[in-house]
């Protein structure tokens, strides 16, 4: 009996292992039919990253050294007081991210290649964003973390993700094309760091409280992983204080981590470039080693082989890998009203592949690619706007800024659209259920839910409509609908059009009645 149970357990373990086997998605073909309409809004100079403000405007970094405040109509305002960067190869002005407490602190985080006497190093900085009528600036700018080694090489990583509890900051640090530092616990290169919001080692890290060697060797990027093992030391870097690299490290063995995002279930996923083949999607767990440069599903650019991850069970394998590569730009999880069928999916942008890829997850640590679309340009970044539209930037100079909306939806501007012709109301329409359904259709046809929330549906750009009848009088609600104020309470332009000529008087009365019946909470 025990023998049969042991065999059954072994078969179950084998089945589980096979179910979670690594998937090569590199041969996936592109779907020729785009499920959205793509509209170019404007151009920028080598744009790298988009960060949406609550009102729908964007902060967009330009690798050449710029940061732009951009409206959804394409109007650009340069942001002043940005740091100097070394724009060279893969370096420059890279990431921009809003603080998880932005509504209160107005902090913006930047990642960039900071120039120094011996090349450049990755820096993470924080400042407050100040927006005027026709101006924007960063105030109180402070570098809160930096890799002081400097030197040559690209692959900065520079991605940031905030923990779901909004207490901690995860920062990817690439290997700078030097390879071997990714396995050196004394160096931040090739690591995922977990920091406090002010850049200090976070409590609870796998090596919390530990310090590393006071000096580390610095090498130039070698020709391949074998040459890296004996690469000459060009300089020795001495840390200005205690070497906190071990205490900062959450995971190691990464190459070019350009994607980092938390899934709705709280799992953390990382997306990185492989060498010649072997891009990886990794499920991140604390203390794990993801293998670079010891193993890869790709090979060196010069053809020198690299051991397969299958030969090293002590190292963590990717969940998905790509041979040939997609050359990922970023990774983000979708949540929005425009494409509700994709809520919970992730999107990966592709550079060399010029692709946009949707990835689905099983909630148990597994993932698989769903669709892949050829966008016709190098997609550096894809993000979701507050209204649910997808926005993409092109890795080019100039590079386009694009908005993707559902097929059939008006694309000229992201403002609410006129209502569809209403059916002739009956005298009792305000009192019966059909009237309620009709008013709901009026709200939907006017795209009110892109900005306002009703119950659990809608956007968070504008105040929720729940309980509006207890906050405002009927006359105040009518005035806001018929002739909205030019600016929001935050002082930004109000995108809501005037509905005085768009709604019939009967529909307006019924809408006021419906709003007055909404409870204060969903």
Protein backbone atom coordinates (compact mmCIF):
# COMPACT_ATOMS: atom_id res chain seq x y z
CA UNK A 1 0.00 0.00 0.00
CA UNK A 2 2.78 2.42 0.96
CA UNK A 3 4.60 1.56 -2.26
CA UNK A 4 1.53 2.43 -4.33
CA UNK A 5 1.07 5.71 -2.44
CA UNK A 6 4.71 6.62 -3.04
CA UNK A 7 4.37 5.91 -6.77
CA UNK A 8 1.16 7.95 -6.91
CA UNK A 9 2.89 10.82 -5.14
CA UNK A 10 5.80 10.66 -7.57
CA UNK A 11 3.45 10.71 -10.56
CA UNK A 12 1.59 13.66 -9.08
CA UNK A 13 4.84 15.53 -8.55
CA UNK A 14 5.89 14.78 -12.13
CA UNK A 15 2.55 15.97 -13.46
CA UNK A 16 2.85 19.17 -11.44
CA UNK A 17 6.38 19.70 -12.72
CA UNK A 18 5.30 19.18 -16.31
CA UNK A 19 2.37 21.57 -15.87
CA UNK A 20 4.74 24.33 -14.83
CA UNK A 21 7.37 23.63 -17.48
CA UNK A 22 8.96 26.61 -19.17
CA UNK A 23 7.20 27.83 -22.30
CA UNK A 24 8.99 29.18 -25.37
CA UNK A 25 6.72 31.86 -26.85
CA UNK A 26 9.28 33.10 -29.38
CA UNK A 27 7.61 31.46 -32.37
CA UNK A 28 4.19 32.94 -31.68
CA UNK A 29 2.76 34.56 -34.81
CA UNK A 30 1.26 38.03 -34.85
CA UNK A 31 -2.50 38.41 -35.18
CA UNK A 32 -3.01 40.49 -38.35
CA UNK A 33 -6.24 42.03 -37.00
CA UNK A 34 -5.74 44.73 -34.40
CA UNK A 35 -8.59 44.78 -31.86
CA UNK A 36 -8.21 48.51 -31.37
CA UNK A 37 -7.79 51.72 -33.31
CA UNK A 38 -4.38 53.35 -32.99
CA UNK A 39 -4.11 57.13 -33.29
CA UNK A 40 -0.86 59.09 -33.25
CA UNK A 41 -1.14 62.09 -30.93
CA UNK A 42 2.29 63.76 -31.16
CA UNK A 43 6.03 63.03 -31.30
CA UNK A 44 8.87 63.24 -28.78
CA UNK A 45 12.64 62.84 -28.87
CA UNK A 46 13.49 59.21 -28.02
CA UNK A 47 10.66 58.84 -25.50
CA UNK A 48 11.24 56.18 -22.85
CA UNK A 49 8.53 56.10 -20.18
CA UNK A 50 4.97 57.34 -19.55
CA UNK A 51 3.50 58.15 -16.13
CA UNK A 52 -0.14 59.24 -16.00
CA UNK A 53 -1.29 61.98 -13.65
CA UNK A 54 -4.74 61.56 -12.07
CA UNK A 55 -6.26 64.12 -14.46
CA UNK A 56 -5.14 62.19 -17.56
CA UNK A 57 -2.09 64.26 -18.45
CA UNK A 58 1.22 62.45 -18.82
CA UNK A 59 4.79 62.83 -17.75
CA UNK A 60 7.00 61.38 -20.49
CA UNK A 61 10.77 61.03 -20.31
CA UNK A 62 12.97 61.60 -23.34
CA UNK A 63 16.19 59.60 -23.30
CA UNK A 64 18.15 62.52 -24.75
CA UNK A 65 17.55 64.36 -21.47
CA UNK A 66 14.03 65.73 -21.33
CA UNK A 67 10.87 65.39 -19.27
CA UNK A 68 7.62 66.58 -20.82
CA UNK A 69 4.17 67.23 -19.39
CA UNK A 70 1.82 66.16 -22.19
CA UNK A 71 -1.95 66.56 -22.51
CA UNK A 72 -4.08 63.91 -24.17
CA UNK A 73 -4.41 66.25 -27.13
CA UNK A 74 -0.60 66.35 -27.52
CA UNK A 75 0.27 69.74 -26.05
CA UNK A 76 3.73 69.54 -24.48
CA UNK A 77 5.21 71.57 -21.63
CA UNK A 78 8.89 70.96 -20.73
CA UNK A 79 9.40 70.23 -17.04
CA UNK A 80 12.11 72.41 -15.51
CA UNK A 81 14.80 71.54 -12.94
CA UNK A 82 15.52 68.06 -14.24
CA UNK A 83 18.94 66.48 -13.61
CA UNK A 84 21.80 66.24 -16.07
CA UNK A 85 22.08 62.84 -17.74
CA UNK A 86 24.65 61.05 -19.85
CA UNK A 87 22.79 60.25 -23.05
CA UNK A 88 24.90 57.50 -24.58
CA UNK A 89 23.80 54.16 -26.00
CA UNK A 90 21.14 52.81 -23.67
CA UNK A 91 21.69 55.52 -21.08
CA UNK A 92 19.92 58.83 -20.60
CA UNK A 93 16.70 60.00 -18.97
CA UNK A 94 14.88 56.72 -18.34
CA UNK A 95 12.00 56.08 -15.94
CA UNK A 96 9.36 58.34 -14.39
CA UNK A 97 6.94 57.13 -11.71
CA UNK A 98 4.35 58.74 -9.46
CA UNK A 99 4.59 58.21 -5.73
CA UNK A 100 1.92 55.82 -4.41
CA UNK A 101 0.92 58.78 -2.20
CA UNK A 102 1.00 61.32 -5.02
CA UNK A 103 -2.37 62.85 -4.11
CA UNK A 104 -0.82 64.01 -0.83
CA UNK A 105 2.92 64.38 -1.42
CA UNK A 106 3.13 65.15 -5.20
CA UNK A 107 6.39 63.20 -5.37
CA UNK A 108 7.73 62.00 -8.72
CA UNK A 109 10.53 59.44 -8.98
CA UNK A 110 13.08 59.51 -11.81
CA UNK A 111 15.68 56.94 -12.90
CA UNK A 112 18.51 58.01 -15.20
CA UNK A 113 22.17 57.54 -16.09
CA UNK A 114 24.05 60.00 -13.93
CA UNK A 115 27.28 61.31 -15.49
CA UNK A 116 30.54 60.93 -13.58
CA UNK A 117 34.31 61.10 -14.03
CA UNK A 118 34.43 57.48 -15.19
CA UNK A 119 31.30 57.02 -17.32
CA UNK A 120 27.87 56.91 -15.74
CA UNK A 121 25.86 55.11 -13.08
CA UNK A 122 22.19 54.48 -12.42
CA UNK A 123 20.55 57.03 -10.15
CA UNK A 124 17.13 57.11 -8.49
CA UNK A 125 15.84 60.53 -7.49
CA UNK A 126 12.71 62.06 -6.02
CA UNK A 127 11.18 65.54 -6.30
CA UNK A 128 7.85 67.31 -5.99
CA UNK A 129 6.02 68.14 -9.20
CA UNK A 130 4.76 71.72 -9.41
CA UNK A 131 2.38 72.58 -12.25
CA UNK A 132 1.51 76.16 -13.19
CA UNK A 133 -0.75 77.59 -15.88
CA UNK A 134 1.82 77.15 -18.63
CA UNK A 135 4.75 75.67 -16.73
CA UNK A 136 5.89 72.65 -14.76
CA UNK A 137 8.94 72.02 -12.59
CA UNK A 138 10.55 69.61 -10.15
CA UNK A 139 11.15 71.09 -6.71
CA UNK A 140 13.29 69.76 -3.86
CA UNK A 141 15.12 67.37 -6.16
CA UNK A 142 17.10 64.71 -4.28
CA UNK A 143 19.05 61.62 -5.36
CA UNK A 144 17.95 58.91 -2.92
CA UNK A 145 19.95 55.97 -4.34
CA UNK A 146 22.79 55.58 -6.80
CA UNK A 147 25.19 52.96 -8.07
CA UNK A 148 28.46 54.72 -7.44
CA UNK A 149 30.61 52.32 -9.50
CA UNK A 150 30.06 54.27 -12.73
CA UNK A 151 31.88 52.94 -15.80
CA UNK A 152 30.84 51.79 -19.27
CA UNK A 153 28.00 49.65 -20.51
CA UNK A 154 24.27 49.92 -21.11
CA UNK A 155 21.50 47.78 -19.63
CA UNK A 156 20.65 50.05 -16.71
CA UNK A 157 17.35 48.36 -15.83
CA UNK A 158 15.90 51.46 -14.12
CA UNK A 159 12.36 50.08 -13.62
CA UNK A 160 10.41 50.90 -10.47
CA UNK A 161 7.37 49.19 -8.95
CA UNK A 162 5.72 50.08 -5.66
CA UNK A 163 4.55 47.36 -3.30
CA UNK A 164 0.77 46.82 -3.08
CA UNK A 165 0.78 48.25 0.46
CA UNK A 166 2.47 51.43 -0.90
CA UNK A 167 5.27 51.17 1.69
CA UNK A 168 8.21 49.99 -0.42
CA UNK A 169 9.90 50.59 -3.73
CA UNK A 170 11.37 47.87 -5.96
CA UNK A 171 14.17 48.98 -8.32
CA UNK A 172 15.72 46.91 -11.11
CA UNK A 173 19.44 47.37 -11.67
CA UNK A 174 20.81 45.93 -14.89
CA UNK A 175 24.19 44.21 -15.23
CA UNK A 176 25.60 47.12 -17.30
CA UNK A 177 26.70 44.49 -19.90
CA UNK A 178 29.45 43.38 -17.49
CA UNK A 179 27.75 40.03 -16.77
CA UNK A 180 29.61 38.67 -13.73
CA UNK A 181 28.47 41.36 -11.23
CA UNK A 182 24.96 39.88 -11.42
CA UNK A 183 26.28 36.98 -9.28
CA UNK A 184 28.36 39.14 -6.92
CA UNK A 185 26.39 39.89 -3.72
CA UNK A 186 28.67 42.86 -3.06
CA UNK A 187 27.39 44.76 -6.10
CA UNK A 188 23.89 46.04 -6.92
CA UNK A 189 24.35 45.30 -10.64
CA UNK A 190 22.11 42.55 -11.98
CA UNK A 191 19.82 42.72 -8.94
CA UNK A 192 16.31 43.62 -7.91
CA UNK A 193 16.43 45.93 -4.90
CA UNK A 194 13.72 46.49 -2.32
CA UNK A 195 13.96 49.93 -0.73
CA UNK A 196 11.96 52.25 1.47
CA UNK A 197 10.28 55.16 -0.29
CA UNK A 198 13.26 57.34 0.61
CA UNK A 199 15.82 54.93 -0.86
CA UNK A 200 17.05 53.02 2.20
CA UNK A 201 17.31 49.20 2.51
CA UNK A 202 13.84 47.90 3.33
CA UNK A 203 13.29 45.88 6.50
CA UNK A 204 12.58 42.21 5.90
CA UNK A 205 14.89 41.80 2.91
CA UNK A 206 16.60 38.38 2.61
CA UNK A 207 19.94 39.80 3.81
CA UNK A 208 18.62 42.63 5.95
CA UNK A 209 21.28 44.21 8.13
CA UNK A 210 24.20 42.71 6.24
CA UNK A 211 26.93 44.77 4.58
CA UNK A 212 29.25 43.85 1.76
CA UNK A 213 32.91 44.29 0.92
CA UNK A 214 34.15 47.89 1.17
CA UNK A 215 35.57 47.74 -2.38
CA UNK A 216 34.51 46.01 -5.59
CA UNK A 217 36.26 45.56 -8.97
CA UNK A 218 34.94 47.42 -12.01
CA UNK A 219 35.33 45.89 -15.48
CA UNK A 220 34.43 46.99 -18.98
CA UNK A 221 31.75 45.05 -20.86
CA UNK A 222 33.42 41.81 -22.09
CA UNK A 223 32.75 40.07 -25.40
CA UNK A 224 30.88 37.11 -23.89
CA UNK A 225 30.12 35.28 -20.66
CA UNK A 226 33.31 33.21 -20.85
CA UNK A 227 35.53 36.25 -21.38
CA UNK A 228 33.77 37.93 -18.44
CA UNK A 229 35.24 35.37 -16.05
CA UNK A 230 38.78 36.69 -16.64
CA UNK A 231 38.03 40.28 -17.65
CA UNK A 232 40.73 42.70 -16.47
CA UNK A 233 39.88 45.02 -13.60
CA UNK A 234 40.11 48.59 -14.85
CA UNK A 235 39.38 50.26 -11.55
CA UNK A 236 38.49 49.48 -7.95
CA UNK A 237 35.49 51.26 -6.48
CA UNK A 238 35.44 52.12 -2.80
CA UNK A 239 32.02 52.67 -1.25
CA UNK A 240 31.77 56.05 0.53
CA UNK A 241 30.21 54.33 3.56
CA UNK A 242 29.01 50.85 4.47
CA UNK A 243 28.28 48.73 1.38
CA UNK A 244 24.52 48.23 1.71
CA UNK A 245 24.15 46.16 -1.47
CA UNK A 246 23.40 42.88 0.36
CA UNK A 247 20.83 44.53 2.62
CA UNK A 248 19.10 46.13 -0.39
CA UNK A 249 18.89 42.98 -2.53
CA UNK A 250 15.59 41.16 -2.99
CA UNK A 251 16.62 38.88 -5.90
CA UNK A 252 19.69 38.42 -8.11
CA UNK A 253 20.96 37.02 -11.42
CA UNK A 254 19.28 39.47 -13.83
CA UNK A 255 20.53 40.86 -17.12
CA UNK A 256 18.45 43.71 -18.55
CA UNK A 257 15.31 43.98 -16.39
CA UNK A 258 13.15 46.44 -18.34
CA UNK A 259 9.78 45.20 -17.05
CA UNK A 260 8.57 45.09 -13.44
CA UNK A 261 4.96 45.00 -12.25
CA UNK A 262 2.73 43.64 -9.53
CA UNK A 263 -0.20 41.48 -10.62
CA UNK A 264 -3.64 42.03 -9.08
CA UNK A 265 -3.03 39.02 -6.83
CA UNK A 266 0.10 40.66 -5.37
CA UNK A 267 2.68 38.55 -7.22
CA UNK A 268 5.67 40.43 -8.63
CA UNK A 269 6.73 39.76 -12.24
CA UNK A 270 9.92 40.81 -14.02
CA UNK A 271 10.60 40.89 -17.77
CA UNK A 272 14.15 41.04 -19.13
CA UNK A 273 16.23 40.86 -22.28
CA UNK A 274 18.20 37.72 -22.93
CA UNK A 275 21.35 37.80 -25.06
CA UNK A 276 20.97 36.21 -28.52
CA UNK A 277 17.66 34.59 -27.62
CA UNK A 278 16.26 33.90 -24.19
CA UNK A 279 14.16 36.92 -23.15
CA UNK A 280 12.53 35.98 -19.83
CA UNK A 281 9.35 36.52 -17.83
CA UNK A 282 10.16 35.70 -14.21
CA UNK A 283 7.96 35.27 -11.17
CA UNK A 284 9.94 37.08 -8.49
CA UNK A 285 10.39 35.57 -5.05
CA UNK A 286 12.68 36.89 -2.32
CA UNK A 287 16.20 35.50 -2.22
CA UNK A 288 15.93 33.66 -5.53
CA UNK A 289 18.75 33.64 -8.10
CA UNK A 290 17.52 33.90 -11.70
CA UNK A 291 20.72 32.63 -13.25
CA UNK A 292 22.38 35.32 -15.35
CA UNK A 293 25.14 34.95 -16.60
CA UNK A 294 25.52 31.34 -15.47
CA UNK A 295 22.60 30.09 -17.57
CA UNK A 296 20.32 31.31 -20.35
CA UNK A 297 17.99 29.94 -23.00
CA UNK A 298 19.94 32.13 -25.42
CA UNK A 299 23.60 32.33 -26.39
CA UNK A 300 26.22 35.06 -26.55
CA UNK A 301 26.02 37.44 -29.49
CA UNK A 302 29.27 36.03 -30.86
CA UNK A 303 27.90 32.49 -30.76
CA UNK A 304 29.69 31.33 -27.61
CA UNK A 305 27.24 28.98 -25.86
CA UNK A 306 25.77 29.51 -22.40
CA UNK A 307 24.63 26.63 -20.22
CA UNK A 308 20.88 25.92 -20.30
CA UNK A 309 18.81 26.65 -17.19
CA UNK A 310 17.80 23.00 -17.36
CA UNK A 311 21.33 22.08 -16.19
CA UNK A 312 21.07 24.10 -12.95
CA UNK A 313 18.11 23.09 -10.76
CA UNK A 314 19.51 25.32 -8.01
CA UNK A 315 18.70 28.42 -10.11
CA UNK A 316 15.20 29.76 -10.77
CA UNK A 317 13.88 29.28 -14.30
CA UNK A 318 11.67 31.76 -16.16
CA UNK A 319 7.96 31.03 -16.52
CA UNK A 320 8.03 32.12 -20.19
CA UNK A 321 11.02 32.65 -22.45
CA UNK A 322 11.34 33.86 -26.02
CA UNK A 323 13.62 32.37 -28.69
CA UNK A 324 13.82 34.34 -30.92
CA UNK A 325 13.58 37.43 -28.75
CA UNK A 326 10.90 40.09 -28.53
CA UNK A 327 13.34 42.63 -26.99
CA UNK A 328 10.94 43.82 -24.27
CA UNK A 329 10.43 47.48 -23.48
CA UNK A 330 8.25 47.19 -20.38
CA UNK A 331 5.58 45.18 -18.58
CA UNK A 332 2.30 46.44 -17.12
CA UNK A 333 -0.99 44.98 -15.89
CA UNK A 334 -4.20 46.29 -17.39
CA UNK A 335 -7.09 47.65 -15.36
CA UNK A 336 -9.57 49.87 -17.11
CA UNK A 337 -13.05 50.46 -18.48
CA UNK A 338 -12.32 50.54 -22.22
CA UNK A 339 -11.14 46.94 -22.52
CA UNK A 340 -12.84 45.16 -19.59
CA UNK A 341 -12.14 41.78 -21.20
CA UNK A 342 -8.43 42.36 -20.55
CA UNK A 343 -8.62 43.29 -16.88
CA UNK A 344 -5.97 41.26 -15.07
CA UNK A 345 -3.91 40.61 -18.19
CA UNK A 346 -0.41 41.99 -18.61
CA UNK A 347 0.99 43.72 -21.67
CA UNK A 348 4.60 43.51 -22.80
CA UNK A 349 5.95 45.99 -25.31
CA UNK A 350 8.48 44.86 -27.91
CA UNK A 351 11.37 46.80 -29.45
CA UNK A 352 13.04 44.68 -32.14
CA UNK A 353 9.82 42.68 -32.52
CA UNK A 354 7.71 45.87 -32.87
CA UNK A 355 5.11 43.94 -30.95
CA UNK A 356 2.47 44.34 -28.29
CA UNK A 357 1.90 41.08 -26.43
CA UNK A 358 -0.91 40.18 -24.05
CA UNK A 359 -0.09 37.72 -21.28
CA UNK A 360 -2.59 35.85 -19.10
CA UNK A 361 -2.04 34.35 -15.64
CA UNK A 362 -3.54 31.35 -13.86
CA UNK A 363 -3.31 32.77 -10.34
CA UNK A 364 -0.97 29.95 -9.30
CA UNK A 365 2.31 31.33 -10.60
CA UNK A 366 1.79 30.24 -14.20
CA UNK A 367 1.48 32.45 -17.28
CA UNK A 368 1.08 32.16 -21.04
CA UNK A 369 1.01 34.54 -23.96
CA UNK A 370 -2.39 35.18 -25.51
CA UNK A 371 -2.30 37.57 -28.48
CA UNK A 372 0.64 39.20 -30.21
CA UNK A 373 0.12 42.17 -32.50
CA UNK A 374 2.60 43.80 -34.89
CA UNK A 375 2.41 47.54 -34.20
CA UNK A 376 4.77 48.55 -37.01
CA UNK A 377 7.11 50.49 -34.71
CA UNK A 378 9.51 49.81 -31.84
CA UNK A 379 7.24 49.89 -28.79
CA UNK A 380 9.27 51.26 -25.90
CA UNK A 381 6.46 51.59 -23.36
CA UNK A 382 2.77 50.76 -23.07
CA UNK A 383 0.64 52.16 -20.25
CA UNK A 384 -3.04 52.44 -19.36
CA UNK A 385 -4.66 55.86 -18.97
CA UNK A 386 -7.19 56.67 -16.23
CA UNK A 387 -9.99 56.28 -18.79
CA UNK A 388 -8.76 52.80 -19.80
CA UNK A 389 -7.16 53.67 -23.15
CA UNK A 390 -3.81 52.11 -24.01
CA UNK A 391 -0.98 54.53 -24.76
CA UNK A 392 2.30 53.59 -26.43
CA UNK A 393 5.51 55.39 -27.28
CA UNK A 394 7.87 54.67 -30.14
CA UNK A 395 11.58 54.15 -29.61
CA UNK A 396 12.75 56.59 -32.29
CA UNK A 397 13.89 60.19 -32.76
CA UNK A 398 11.34 61.51 -33.31
CA UNK A 399 9.18 58.83 -31.73
CA UNK A 400 5.41 58.83 -31.84
CA UNK A 401 2.97 58.92 -28.94
CA UNK A 402 -0.02 56.69 -29.75
CA UNK A 403 -3.45 56.11 -28.21
CA UNK A 404 -5.32 52.82 -28.70
CA UNK A 405 -9.10 52.72 -28.23
CA UNK A 406 -11.77 50.08 -28.94
CA UNK A 407 -12.82 49.60 -32.55
CA UNK A 408 -15.74 51.83 -33.40
CA UNK A 409 -15.06 54.35 -30.66
CA UNK A 410 -14.41 57.95 -31.67
CA UNK A 411 -10.66 58.65 -31.55
CA UNK A 412 -10.27 62.35 -32.35
CA UNK A 413 -10.07 63.30 -28.67
CA UNK A 414 -10.37 61.44 -25.37
CA UNK A 415 -13.28 63.61 -24.26
CA UNK A 416 -16.83 62.28 -23.76
CA UNK A 417 -18.79 61.90 -26.99
CA UNK A 418 -22.29 63.21 -27.82
CA UNK A 419 -25.19 61.05 -26.77
CA UNK A 420 -26.93 58.80 -29.21
CA UNK A 421 -30.45 59.96 -30.25
CA UNK A 422 -32.79 59.16 -27.41
CA UNK A 423 -36.08 57.36 -27.80
CA UNK A 424 -39.18 59.46 -27.27
CA UNK A 425 -39.91 59.25 -23.52
CA UNK A 426 -43.33 58.40 -22.20
CA UNK A 427 -45.13 60.44 -19.54
CA UNK A 428 -44.36 57.87 -16.87
CA UNK A 429 -40.75 57.29 -17.91
CA UNK A 430 -39.26 58.77 -14.73
CA UNK A 431 -41.12 56.37 -12.55
CA UNK A 432 -40.67 52.97 -14.12
CA UNK A 433 -37.78 50.56 -14.60
CA UNK A 434 -37.49 51.17 -18.35
CA UNK A 435 -36.72 54.83 -17.60
CA UNK A 436 -33.87 53.80 -15.28
CA UNK A 437 -32.41 51.58 -17.96
CA UNK A 438 -32.77 54.38 -20.50
CA UNK A 439 -30.93 56.83 -18.23
CA UNK A 440 -28.19 54.26 -17.69
CA UNK A 441 -27.85 54.05 -21.48
CA UNK A 442 -27.65 57.86 -21.67
CA UNK A 443 -24.78 57.79 -19.15
CA UNK A 444 -23.06 55.02 -21.12
CA UNK A 445 -23.56 56.69 -24.52
CA UNK A 446 -22.03 59.89 -23.23
CA UNK A 447 -18.98 58.01 -21.87
CA UNK A 448 -19.61 59.42 -18.38
CA UNK A 449 -18.08 56.30 -16.84
CA UNK A 450 -14.72 57.10 -18.37
CA UNK A 451 -14.32 59.72 -15.63
CA UNK A 452 -17.04 59.12 -13.02
CA UNK A 453 -17.77 56.02 -10.98
CA UNK A 454 -21.25 54.57 -10.41
CA UNK A 455 -21.14 51.68 -7.99
CA UNK A 456 -18.17 49.53 -8.95
CA UNK A 457 -18.11 50.65 -12.58
CA UNK A 458 -16.36 53.63 -14.10
CA UNK A 459 -13.25 55.72 -13.73
CA UNK A 460 -11.66 57.64 -10.90
CA UNK A 461 -10.68 60.86 -12.68
CA UNK A 462 -13.73 62.81 -11.47
CA UNK A 463 -15.87 62.52 -8.29
CA UNK A 464 -18.04 59.45 -7.89
CA UNK A 465 -21.70 59.91 -8.78
CA UNK A 466 -22.70 57.84 -5.77
CA UNK A 467 -24.31 60.10 -3.21
CA UNK A 468 -24.14 63.18 -5.42
CA UNK A 469 -27.77 63.88 -4.53
CA UNK A 470 -26.83 64.26 -0.87
CA UNK A 471 -23.83 66.50 -1.60
CA UNK A 472 -25.41 68.88 -4.09
CA UNK A 473 -28.84 70.34 -4.71
CA UNK A 474 -30.75 69.49 -7.88
CA UNK A 475 -30.02 73.01 -9.17
CA UNK A 476 -26.28 72.58 -8.58
CA UNK A 477 -26.24 69.21 -10.36
CA UNK A 478 -28.21 70.64 -13.27
CA UNK A 479 -25.78 73.57 -13.59
CA UNK A 480 -22.75 71.24 -13.56
CA UNK A 481 -24.29 69.15 -16.37
CA UNK A 482 -25.58 71.97 -18.53
CA UNK A 483 -22.56 74.26 -18.18
CA UNK A 484 -19.59 72.62 -16.43
CA UNK A 485 -16.94 74.84 -14.82
CA UNK A 486 -13.89 75.51 -16.96
CA UNK A 487 -11.56 73.97 -14.37
CA UNK A 488 -11.71 71.11 -11.91
CA UNK A 489 -11.30 71.56 -8.17
CA UNK A 490 -7.61 70.76 -8.70
CA UNK A 491 -7.31 73.74 -11.04
CA UNK A 492 -6.81 71.67 -14.20
CA UNK A 493 -8.84 72.08 -17.43
CA UNK A 494 -12.18 70.30 -17.14
CA UNK A 495 -12.61 67.82 -20.03
CA UNK A 496 -16.38 67.54 -19.51
CA UNK A 497 -18.37 69.19 -22.35
CA UNK A 498 -21.55 71.20 -21.84
CA UNK A 499 -24.65 69.01 -22.13
CA UNK A 500 -27.20 71.85 -22.36
CA UNK A 501 -27.79 71.09 -26.05
CA UNK A 502 -26.95 67.39 -25.94
CA UNK A 503 -29.75 66.17 -23.67
CA UNK A 504 -33.48 66.65 -24.01
CA UNK A 505 -35.22 68.36 -21.12
CA UNK A 506 -36.99 65.09 -20.31
CA UNK A 507 -33.71 63.16 -20.22
CA UNK A 508 -32.16 65.85 -18.06
CA UNK A 509 -35.01 65.66 -15.53
CA UNK A 510 -34.82 61.88 -15.47
CA UNK A 511 -31.04 61.99 -15.06
CA UNK A 512 -31.36 64.34 -12.09
CA UNK A 513 -33.91 62.02 -10.53
CA UNK A 514 -31.70 58.98 -11.09
CA UNK A 515 -28.64 60.66 -9.58
CA UNK A 516 -30.64 61.65 -6.52
CA UNK A 517 -31.48 57.98 -5.88
CA UNK A 518 -27.88 56.70 -5.91
CA UNK A 519 -26.64 55.62 -2.47
CA UNK A 520 -23.57 57.25 -0.99
CA UNK A 521 -21.63 53.98 -1.24
CA UNK A 522 -21.80 51.20 -3.87
